[in-house]
N, C-alpha and C. Protein backbone atom coordinates (compact mmCIF):
# COMPACT_ATOMS: atom_id res chain seq x y z
N UNK A 1 142.17 80.96 119.29
CA UNK A 1 141.10 79.77 118.86
C UNK A 1 140.74 79.71 117.38
N UNK A 2 140.70 78.55 116.73
CA UNK A 2 140.75 78.62 115.29
C UNK A 2 139.55 79.10 114.66
N UNK A 3 139.67 79.97 113.63
CA UNK A 3 138.42 80.80 113.09
C UNK A 3 137.23 80.05 112.76
N UNK A 4 137.59 78.93 111.81
CA UNK A 4 136.50 77.92 111.63
C UNK A 4 135.78 77.39 112.49
N UNK A 5 136.09 77.01 113.65
CA UNK A 5 135.64 76.49 114.94
C UNK A 5 134.65 77.69 115.46
N UNK A 6 135.45 78.89 115.68
CA UNK A 6 134.59 80.08 116.33
C UNK A 6 133.38 80.57 115.48
N UNK A 7 133.49 80.03 114.34
CA UNK A 7 131.88 80.32 113.47
C UNK A 7 131.38 79.36 113.34
N UNK A 8 131.46 78.03 113.60
CA UNK A 8 130.77 77.37 113.83
C UNK A 8 130.21 77.36 115.47
N UNK A 9 130.88 77.60 116.49
CA UNK A 9 130.03 78.05 117.69
C UNK A 9 129.16 78.99 117.36
N UNK A 10 129.52 80.35 116.81
CA UNK A 10 128.77 81.14 116.54
C UNK A 10 127.74 80.91 115.67
N UNK A 11 127.47 79.90 114.59
CA UNK A 11 126.21 79.40 114.13
C UNK A 11 125.39 78.66 114.61
N UNK A 12 126.19 77.83 115.73
CA UNK A 12 125.19 76.99 116.69
C UNK A 12 123.95 77.74 117.68
N UNK A 13 125.05 78.76 117.94
CA UNK A 13 124.32 79.38 119.19
C UNK A 13 123.07 80.35 118.34
N UNK A 14 123.42 80.77 117.20
CA UNK A 14 122.06 81.48 116.24
C UNK A 14 121.25 80.57 116.24
N UNK A 15 121.73 79.47 115.82
CA UNK A 15 120.17 78.26 115.32
C UNK A 15 119.56 77.98 116.81
N UNK A 16 120.22 77.75 118.08
CA UNK A 16 119.37 77.77 119.10
C UNK A 16 118.79 78.60 119.57
N UNK A 17 119.07 80.04 119.30
CA UNK A 17 118.68 81.14 119.63
C UNK A 17 117.07 81.27 118.65
N UNK A 18 117.33 80.93 117.57
CA UNK A 18 115.88 80.94 116.83
C UNK A 18 115.24 79.68 116.97
N UNK A 19 115.35 78.70 117.92
CA UNK A 19 114.23 77.75 118.32
C UNK A 19 114.52 76.30 117.72
N UNK A 20 115.65 76.38 116.89
CA UNK A 20 115.84 75.04 116.37
C UNK A 20 117.01 74.20 117.62
N UNK A 21 116.82 72.64 117.10
CA UNK A 21 117.18 71.83 118.16
C UNK A 21 118.13 70.89 117.20
N UNK A 22 119.22 70.58 117.55
CA UNK A 22 119.99 69.40 116.85
C UNK A 22 119.55 67.89 116.78
N UNK A 23 119.32 67.28 115.65
CA UNK A 23 118.96 66.12 115.91
C UNK A 23 120.10 64.92 115.37
N UNK A 24 120.72 64.37 116.46
CA UNK A 24 122.12 63.79 116.13
C UNK A 24 121.79 62.55 115.49
N UNK A 25 120.57 62.07 115.05
CA UNK A 25 120.24 60.83 114.36
C UNK A 25 120.34 61.08 112.86
N UNK A 26 119.77 62.60 112.21
CA UNK A 26 119.63 63.02 111.44
C UNK A 26 121.01 64.02 110.79
N UNK A 27 121.46 64.01 111.99
CA UNK A 27 122.61 65.13 111.54
C UNK A 27 122.06 66.56 110.59
N UNK A 28 120.99 66.90 111.33
CA UNK A 28 120.61 68.58 110.76
C UNK A 28 119.83 69.18 112.06
N UNK A 29 120.07 70.66 112.00
CA UNK A 29 119.18 71.34 112.90
C UNK A 29 117.70 71.74 112.14
N UNK A 30 116.78 71.22 113.82
CA UNK A 30 115.21 71.31 113.08
C UNK A 30 114.54 72.04 114.03
N UNK A 31 113.42 72.94 113.46
CA UNK A 31 112.70 73.48 113.94
C UNK A 31 110.93 73.20 113.59
N UNK A 32 110.30 72.95 114.61
CA UNK A 32 108.80 72.56 113.76
C UNK A 32 107.78 73.69 114.05
N UNK A 33 106.75 73.68 112.89
CA UNK A 33 105.83 74.96 112.69
C UNK A 33 104.79 74.24 112.67
N UNK A 34 103.50 74.71 113.12
CA UNK A 34 102.34 74.03 113.15
C UNK A 34 101.24 75.20 112.77
N UNK A 35 100.21 74.66 111.90
CA UNK A 35 98.99 75.37 111.68
C UNK A 35 98.04 74.65 111.79
N UNK A 36 96.77 75.12 111.45
CA UNK A 36 95.38 74.49 111.49
C UNK A 36 95.02 74.10 112.85
N UNK A 37 95.46 74.96 114.16
CA UNK A 37 95.12 74.69 115.38
C UNK A 37 95.82 73.35 115.62
N UNK A 38 96.89 73.33 115.31
CA UNK A 38 98.18 72.47 115.66
C UNK A 38 97.97 70.80 114.74
N UNK A 39 97.03 71.05 113.79
CA UNK A 39 96.81 69.33 113.53
C UNK A 39 97.69 69.34 111.93
N UNK A 40 98.19 70.68 111.59
CA UNK A 40 99.33 70.24 110.41
C UNK A 40 100.37 70.97 111.02
N UNK A 41 101.53 69.73 110.71
CA UNK A 41 103.01 70.37 111.00
C UNK A 41 104.05 70.24 109.87
N UNK A 42 104.96 71.36 110.12
CA UNK A 42 106.18 71.50 108.97
C UNK A 42 107.46 71.45 109.72
N UNK A 43 108.37 70.88 109.15
CA UNK A 43 109.82 70.98 109.86
C UNK A 43 110.49 71.97 109.04
N UNK A 44 111.34 72.96 109.43
CA UNK A 44 112.03 73.65 108.76
C UNK A 44 113.52 73.17 109.23
N UNK A 45 114.44 72.77 108.22
CA UNK A 45 115.77 72.11 108.68
C UNK A 45 116.84 72.91 108.04
N UNK A 46 117.87 73.14 108.73
CA UNK A 46 119.29 73.52 108.25
C UNK A 46 119.95 72.38 108.59
N UNK A 47 120.90 72.43 107.40
CA UNK A 47 121.75 71.36 107.51
C UNK A 47 123.02 71.72 106.49
N UNK A 48 124.29 71.43 107.08
CA UNK A 48 125.53 71.62 106.46
C UNK A 48 125.82 70.84 105.56
N UNK A 49 126.20 70.84 104.52
CA UNK A 49 126.51 69.77 103.38
C UNK A 49 128.18 69.28 104.04
N UNK A 50 128.43 68.81 103.02
CA UNK A 50 130.03 68.18 103.08
C UNK A 50 130.95 69.34 102.71
N UNK A 51 130.68 70.20 101.85
CA UNK A 51 131.52 71.25 101.22
C UNK A 51 131.51 72.70 102.36
N UNK A 52 130.53 72.40 103.16
CA UNK A 52 130.73 73.67 104.23
C UNK A 52 129.72 74.38 103.62
N UNK A 53 128.62 74.30 103.14
CA UNK A 53 127.32 75.20 102.39
C UNK A 53 126.61 74.86 103.13
N UNK A 54 125.45 75.92 103.61
CA UNK A 54 124.50 75.26 104.45
C UNK A 54 123.06 75.26 103.42
N UNK A 55 122.17 74.61 103.78
CA UNK A 55 120.70 74.39 103.05
C UNK A 55 119.78 74.62 104.23
N UNK A 56 118.49 75.32 103.72
CA UNK A 56 117.50 75.24 104.52
C UNK A 56 116.54 74.51 103.74
N UNK A 57 115.61 73.40 104.60
CA UNK A 57 114.68 72.79 103.77
C UNK A 57 113.22 72.91 104.62
N UNK A 58 112.15 72.85 103.86
CA UNK A 58 110.77 72.64 104.49
C UNK A 58 110.38 71.54 103.97
N UNK A 59 109.99 70.12 104.99
CA UNK A 59 109.30 69.27 104.88
C UNK A 59 108.53 68.50 105.85
N UNK A 60 107.77 67.72 105.43
CA UNK A 60 106.86 67.17 106.38
C UNK A 60 107.46 66.46 107.24
N UNK A 61 106.81 66.06 108.41
CA UNK A 61 107.41 65.29 109.47
C UNK A 61 107.55 63.63 108.88
N UNK A 62 107.10 63.72 107.75
CA UNK A 62 107.49 62.09 107.49
C UNK A 62 108.54 62.07 106.36
N UNK A 63 109.48 63.23 106.04
CA UNK A 63 110.59 63.58 105.05
C UNK A 63 110.26 63.80 104.21
N UNK A 64 108.82 64.54 103.38
CA UNK A 64 109.15 64.78 101.99
C UNK A 64 109.61 66.23 102.15
N UNK A 65 110.27 66.57 101.04
CA UNK A 65 111.11 67.97 100.91
C UNK A 65 109.89 68.36 100.10
N UNK A 66 109.71 69.70 100.45
CA UNK A 66 108.83 70.60 99.25
C UNK A 66 109.33 71.83 98.89
N UNK A 67 110.07 72.20 99.69
CA UNK A 67 111.07 73.15 99.67
C UNK A 67 112.41 73.57 99.92
N UNK A 68 113.46 73.67 98.96
CA UNK A 68 114.88 73.66 99.53
C UNK A 68 115.44 75.16 98.99
N UNK A 69 116.47 75.43 99.61
CA UNK A 69 117.29 76.55 99.15
C UNK A 69 118.76 76.60 99.91
N UNK A 70 119.86 76.99 98.93
CA UNK A 70 121.00 76.90 99.31
C UNK A 70 121.40 78.44 99.90
N UNK A 71 121.85 78.33 101.12
CA UNK A 71 122.14 79.68 101.77
C UNK A 71 123.72 80.20 101.70
N UNK A 72 124.47 78.95 101.33
CA UNK A 72 125.80 79.44 101.49
C UNK A 72 126.43 79.17 102.78
N UNK A 73 127.53 79.76 102.94
CA UNK A 73 128.06 79.57 104.19
C UNK A 73 127.44 80.25 105.47
N UNK A 74 126.60 81.04 105.32
CA UNK A 74 126.25 81.77 106.50
C UNK A 74 124.53 81.31 106.68
N UNK A 75 123.98 81.24 107.82
CA UNK A 75 122.89 80.91 108.41
C UNK A 75 122.18 82.13 108.65
N UNK A 76 121.04 82.30 108.33
CA UNK A 76 120.55 83.93 108.36
C UNK A 76 119.24 83.27 109.36
């Protein structure tokens, strides 16, 4: 098995185990957080860039990004 393919399968399994779902329309992995008895929601997004690096974003459901972090080639 190709090493990069194996790594991709491992990363996808890790994201799924942490509660992320793949959004095929947006092409990123996302999980939803809520607070204030469910009245406020935030999306945590893991996205792989074209150069193979991963970024984590925190954004509102309307798409406003208020936090971004480059996490390199490994998803944590």
